[in-house]
């Protein structure tokens, strides 16, 4: 069973930065891609970014607009999300997710088989 452990969330002032990490473990980690989603109170889960594990193709949600950067360390089975120029509307619980061996619509939550427990990000204005 794949386990995803997020870290790096917290409280930051508007304009500040945070770096989220997601470490994947398990005997058969063979995901096609990993991604980040977020969910603010009272809102639906929203796609943030995704990265293919092999090849490294990257996808971002429209709202990111150059503020966030997704990256990975294949050797450590770890994914990162560097978030800069944070705004109050970025406040949400951020979830790490991993697909199975095959996936096509990486912006869709239903493509992801494994999910972390979430790490809260609060941006104060």
Protein backbone atom coordinates (compact mmCIF):
# COMPACT_ATOMS: atom_id res chain seq x y z
CA UNK A 1 0.00 0.00 0.00
CA UNK A 2 1.39 3.39 -1.02
CA UNK A 3 1.63 5.96 1.75
CA UNK A 4 1.95 9.68 1.11
CA UNK A 5 3.19 11.93 3.88
CA UNK A 6 2.94 15.70 3.43
CA UNK A 7 4.84 18.31 5.37
CA UNK A 8 5.66 21.99 5.19
CA UNK A 9 2.30 23.65 5.69
CA UNK A 10 1.76 26.43 8.19
CA UNK A 11 0.96 30.08 8.71
CA UNK A 12 2.54 32.71 6.51
CA UNK A 13 1.89 36.34 5.74
CA UNK A 14 0.64 37.43 2.34
CA UNK A 15 3.53 37.72 -0.09
CA UNK A 16 5.51 35.06 1.72
CA UNK A 17 6.60 31.59 0.68
CA UNK A 18 6.18 28.01 1.77
CA UNK A 19 7.59 24.74 0.48
CA UNK A 20 5.46 21.64 0.74
CA UNK A 21 6.92 18.16 0.58
CA UNK A 22 5.29 14.82 -0.12
CA UNK A 23 7.20 11.62 0.56
CA UNK A 24 5.88 8.43 -0.99
CA UNK A 25 6.59 5.03 0.46
CA UNK A 26 5.42 1.50 -0.12
CA UNK A 27 6.66 -1.69 -1.66
CA UNK A 28 5.16 -1.10 -5.08
CA UNK A 29 5.33 2.61 -5.72
CA UNK A 30 4.77 2.76 -9.47
CA UNK A 31 2.78 5.88 -10.07
CA UNK A 32 2.51 7.52 -13.46
CA UNK A 33 2.30 10.96 -11.87
CA UNK A 34 1.89 12.82 -8.62
CA UNK A 35 -0.01 15.96 -7.96
CA UNK A 36 -1.15 18.58 -5.50
CA UNK A 37 -4.74 19.55 -4.84
CA UNK A 38 -6.18 21.97 -2.35
CA UNK A 39 -9.50 22.46 -0.64
CA UNK A 40 -10.59 25.64 1.06
CA UNK A 41 -13.46 25.66 3.56
CA UNK A 42 -16.79 25.42 1.81
CA UNK A 43 -15.19 24.90 -1.60
CA UNK A 44 -14.54 21.94 -3.87
CA UNK A 45 -11.16 20.30 -4.16
CA UNK A 46 -9.06 22.18 -6.71
CA UNK A 47 -6.18 21.05 -8.89
CA UNK A 48 -2.92 22.85 -8.14
CA UNK A 49 -0.14 21.07 -10.04
CA UNK A 50 1.01 17.68 -11.29
CA UNK A 51 4.23 16.13 -12.50
CA UNK A 52 4.85 12.96 -14.45
CA UNK A 53 7.20 10.67 -12.59
CA UNK A 54 9.04 9.66 -15.76
CA UNK A 55 9.90 12.45 -18.13
CA UNK A 56 8.85 15.20 -15.77
CA UNK A 57 6.05 16.84 -17.73
CA UNK A 58 4.42 19.47 -15.55
CA UNK A 59 0.91 20.86 -15.36
CA UNK A 60 -0.45 23.76 -13.32
CA UNK A 61 -3.85 25.04 -12.38
CA UNK A 62 -4.83 28.28 -14.08
CA UNK A 63 -4.66 30.28 -10.86
CA UNK A 64 -0.98 29.46 -10.26
CA UNK A 65 0.27 32.03 -12.80
CA UNK A 66 3.97 31.42 -12.18
CA UNK A 67 3.78 31.62 -8.39
CA UNK A 68 4.12 27.91 -7.65
CA UNK A 69 6.72 25.40 -8.81
CA UNK A 70 6.32 21.63 -8.63
CA UNK A 71 9.37 19.40 -8.62
CA UNK A 72 10.41 15.89 -7.69
CA UNK A 73 13.28 13.77 -6.50
CA UNK A 74 12.93 10.34 -8.07
CA UNK A 75 15.65 8.81 -5.92
CA UNK A 76 13.81 9.85 -2.75
CA UNK A 77 10.28 9.32 -4.12
CA UNK A 78 9.52 12.83 -2.97
CA UNK A 79 7.57 15.64 -4.58
CA UNK A 80 7.72 19.31 -3.69
CA UNK A 81 5.59 22.40 -4.17
CA UNK A 82 7.36 25.72 -3.81
CA UNK A 83 4.77 28.42 -3.27
CA UNK A 84 5.77 32.06 -3.61
CA UNK A 85 3.84 35.33 -3.51
CA UNK A 86 1.17 33.69 -1.42
CA UNK A 87 -2.23 35.33 -1.21
CA UNK A 88 -5.02 35.01 1.33
CA UNK A 89 -7.05 33.08 -1.26
CA UNK A 90 -4.36 30.38 -1.24
CA UNK A 91 -5.48 29.42 2.26
CA UNK A 92 -6.57 25.79 2.11
CA UNK A 93 -5.65 22.25 3.05
CA UNK A 94 -3.15 21.01 0.49
CA UNK A 95 -3.23 17.35 -0.47
CA UNK A 96 -0.59 15.26 -2.13
CA UNK A 97 -1.83 12.54 -4.47
CA UNK A 98 -0.42 9.79 -6.65
CA UNK A 99 -1.90 7.99 -9.61
CA UNK A 100 -1.68 4.35 -10.46
CA UNK A 101 0.55 3.15 -13.30
CA UNK A 102 -1.70 4.74 -15.93
CA UNK A 103 -3.46 8.11 -15.92
CA UNK A 104 -4.60 10.57 -18.56
CA UNK A 105 -6.45 13.47 -16.96
CA UNK A 106 -3.97 14.66 -14.36
CA UNK A 107 -6.07 17.69 -13.47
CA UNK A 108 -8.90 15.40 -12.31
CA UNK A 109 -8.94 14.16 -8.74
CA UNK A 110 -10.52 10.86 -9.81
CA UNK A 111 -7.31 9.91 -11.62
CA UNK A 112 -5.43 9.67 -8.33
CA UNK A 113 -5.51 6.45 -6.35
CA UNK A 114 -3.54 7.49 -3.29
CA UNK A 115 -3.91 10.56 -1.12
CA UNK A 116 -2.04 12.08 1.77
CA UNK A 117 -3.68 13.32 4.93
CA UNK A 118 -3.38 16.96 3.92
CA UNK A 119 -1.35 19.82 5.29
CA UNK A 120 -2.98 23.16 6.12
CA UNK A 121 -1.71 26.40 4.65
CA UNK A 122 -2.96 29.67 6.11
CA UNK A 123 -2.05 32.96 4.50
CA UNK A 124 -2.75 36.02 6.60
CA UNK A 125 -3.42 39.33 4.93
